[in-house]
Amino acid sequence: MHLHQAKLRMQALETLSGQKLNEESNAVFNYSITIIGIAVILYHFFM
């Protein structure tokens, strides 16, 4: 019984940390997309 609870707790921690990692990579991804978009707009604006 105790072992099963420990396993469930470990799985919950893993999914939580996995979600945090995904959120961070998504933030970085959105940030770089925004920078690329601004760069493209500026490039077309000045050409």
N, C-alpha and C. Protein backbone atom coordinates (compact mmCIF):
# COMPACT_ATOMS: atom_id res chain seq x y z
N MET A 1 0.83 -1.20 0.00
CA MET A 1 0.00 0.00 0.00
C MET A 1 0.87 1.26 0.00
N HIS A 2 1.83 1.29 0.93
CA HIS A 2 2.71 2.46 1.01
C HIS A 2 3.51 2.63 -0.28
N LEU A 3 3.97 1.49 -0.83
CA LEU A 3 4.77 1.54 -2.04
C LEU A 3 3.96 2.12 -3.20
N HIS A 4 2.70 1.72 -3.28
CA HIS A 4 1.83 2.22 -4.36
C HIS A 4 1.64 3.73 -4.23
N GLN A 5 1.43 4.21 -3.02
CA GLN A 5 1.25 5.65 -2.80
C GLN A 5 2.52 6.40 -3.19
N ALA A 6 3.68 5.84 -2.85
CA ALA A 6 4.94 6.48 -3.20
C ALA A 6 5.09 6.57 -4.72
N LYS A 7 4.71 5.49 -5.41
CA LYS A 7 4.78 5.49 -6.88
C LYS A 7 3.88 6.57 -7.46
N LEU A 8 2.66 6.66 -6.95
CA LEU A 8 1.73 7.68 -7.44
C LEU A 8 2.28 9.08 -7.20
N ARG A 9 2.88 9.27 -6.03
CA ARG A 9 3.45 10.58 -5.70
C ARG A 9 4.59 10.93 -6.66
N MET A 10 5.43 9.93 -6.95
CA MET A 10 6.53 10.16 -7.89
C MET A 10 6.00 10.53 -9.27
N GLN A 11 4.97 9.82 -9.73
CA GLN A 11 4.39 10.12 -11.04
C GLN A 11 3.81 11.53 -11.07
N ALA A 12 3.15 11.93 -9.97
CA ALA A 12 2.57 13.27 -9.91
C ALA A 12 3.67 14.32 -9.98
N LEU A 13 4.78 14.09 -9.26
CA LEU A 13 5.90 15.04 -9.29
C LEU A 13 6.49 15.12 -10.69
N GLU A 14 6.63 13.96 -11.34
CA GLU A 14 7.19 13.94 -12.69
C GLU A 14 6.32 14.72 -13.67
N THR A 15 5.00 14.53 -13.59
CA THR A 15 4.13 15.25 -14.51
C THR A 15 4.16 16.74 -14.23
N LEU A 16 4.24 17.12 -12.94
CA LEU A 16 4.30 18.55 -12.60
C LEU A 16 5.57 19.18 -13.14
N SER A 17 6.72 18.53 -12.93
CA SER A 17 7.97 19.09 -13.43
C SER A 17 7.99 19.08 -14.95
N GLY A 18 7.37 18.08 -15.56
CA GLY A 18 7.28 18.03 -17.02
C GLY A 18 6.47 19.19 -17.56
N GLN A 19 5.36 19.51 -16.89
CA GLN A 19 4.54 20.63 -17.32
C GLN A 19 5.32 21.94 -17.20
N LYS A 20 6.09 22.09 -16.12
CA LYS A 20 6.88 23.31 -15.94
C LYS A 20 7.89 23.45 -17.07
N LEU A 21 8.56 22.35 -17.41
CA LEU A 21 9.53 22.38 -18.50
C LEU A 21 8.85 22.78 -19.81
N ASN A 22 7.68 22.21 -20.07
CA ASN A 22 6.95 22.54 -21.29
C ASN A 22 6.57 24.01 -21.32
N GLU A 23 6.13 24.55 -20.19
CA GLU A 23 5.74 25.96 -20.14
C GLU A 23 6.95 26.85 -20.43
N GLU A 24 8.12 26.49 -19.85
CA GLU A 24 9.32 27.29 -20.07
C GLU A 24 9.75 27.25 -21.53
N SER A 25 9.75 26.06 -22.14
CA SER A 25 10.15 25.96 -23.54
C SER A 25 9.15 26.67 -24.44
N ASN A 26 7.86 26.62 -24.09
CA ASN A 26 6.85 27.34 -24.86
C ASN A 26 7.08 28.84 -24.78
N ALA A 27 7.45 29.34 -23.60
CA ALA A 27 7.72 30.77 -23.43
C ALA A 27 8.91 31.18 -24.29
N VAL A 28 9.96 30.38 -24.27
CA VAL A 28 11.14 30.68 -25.10
C VAL A 28 10.77 30.64 -26.57
N PHE A 29 9.98 29.65 -26.97
CA PHE A 29 9.54 29.50 -28.35
C PHE A 29 8.74 30.73 -28.80
N ASN A 30 7.75 31.13 -27.99
CA ASN A 30 6.94 32.31 -28.32
C ASN A 30 7.80 33.56 -28.40
N TYR A 31 8.77 33.68 -27.49
CA TYR A 31 9.67 34.83 -27.46
C TYR A 31 10.47 34.93 -28.76
N SER A 32 11.05 33.80 -29.18
CA SER A 32 11.85 33.81 -30.41
C SER A 32 10.97 34.06 -31.64
N ILE A 33 9.77 33.49 -31.65
CA ILE A 33 8.83 33.73 -32.76
C ILE A 33 8.52 35.23 -32.86
N THR A 34 8.28 35.86 -31.71
CA THR A 34 7.97 37.29 -31.69
C THR A 34 9.14 38.10 -32.24
N ILE A 35 10.36 37.77 -31.81
CA ILE A 35 11.55 38.49 -32.28
C ILE A 35 11.72 38.31 -33.78
N ILE A 36 11.54 37.08 -34.27
CA ILE A 36 11.66 36.83 -35.71
C ILE A 36 10.60 37.62 -36.47
N GLY A 37 9.37 37.64 -35.95
CA GLY A 37 8.30 38.39 -36.59
C GLY A 37 8.61 39.87 -36.68
N ILE A 38 9.11 40.45 -35.58
CA ILE A 38 9.46 41.88 -35.57
C ILE A 38 10.59 42.14 -36.56
N ALA A 39 11.59 41.25 -36.58
CA ALA A 39 12.73 41.42 -37.49
C ALA A 39 12.25 41.39 -38.94
N VAL A 40 11.36 40.46 -39.28
CA VAL A 40 10.84 40.37 -40.65
C VAL A 40 10.07 41.63 -41.02
N ILE A 41 9.22 42.12 -40.10
CA ILE A 41 8.44 43.33 -40.37
C ILE A 41 9.37 44.52 -40.58
N LEU A 42 10.37 44.67 -39.71
CA LEU A 42 11.32 45.78 -39.85
C LEU A 42 12.09 45.66 -41.16
N TYR A 43 12.49 44.43 -41.51
CA TYR A 43 13.23 44.20 -42.75
C TYR A 43 12.42 44.64 -43.96
N HIS A 44 11.15 44.25 -44.01
CA HIS A 44 10.29 44.64 -45.13
C HIS A 44 10.01 46.14 -45.09
N PHE A 45 9.91 46.70 -43.90
CA PHE A 45 9.61 48.13 -43.75
C PHE A 45 10.74 48.98 -44.30
N PHE A 46 11.99 48.53 -44.08
CA PHE A 46 13.14 49.34 -44.50
C PHE A 46 13.62 49.01 -45.91
N MET A 47 13.13 47.91 -46.50
CA MET A 47 13.58 47.57 -47.86
C MET A 47 12.78 48.35 -48.89
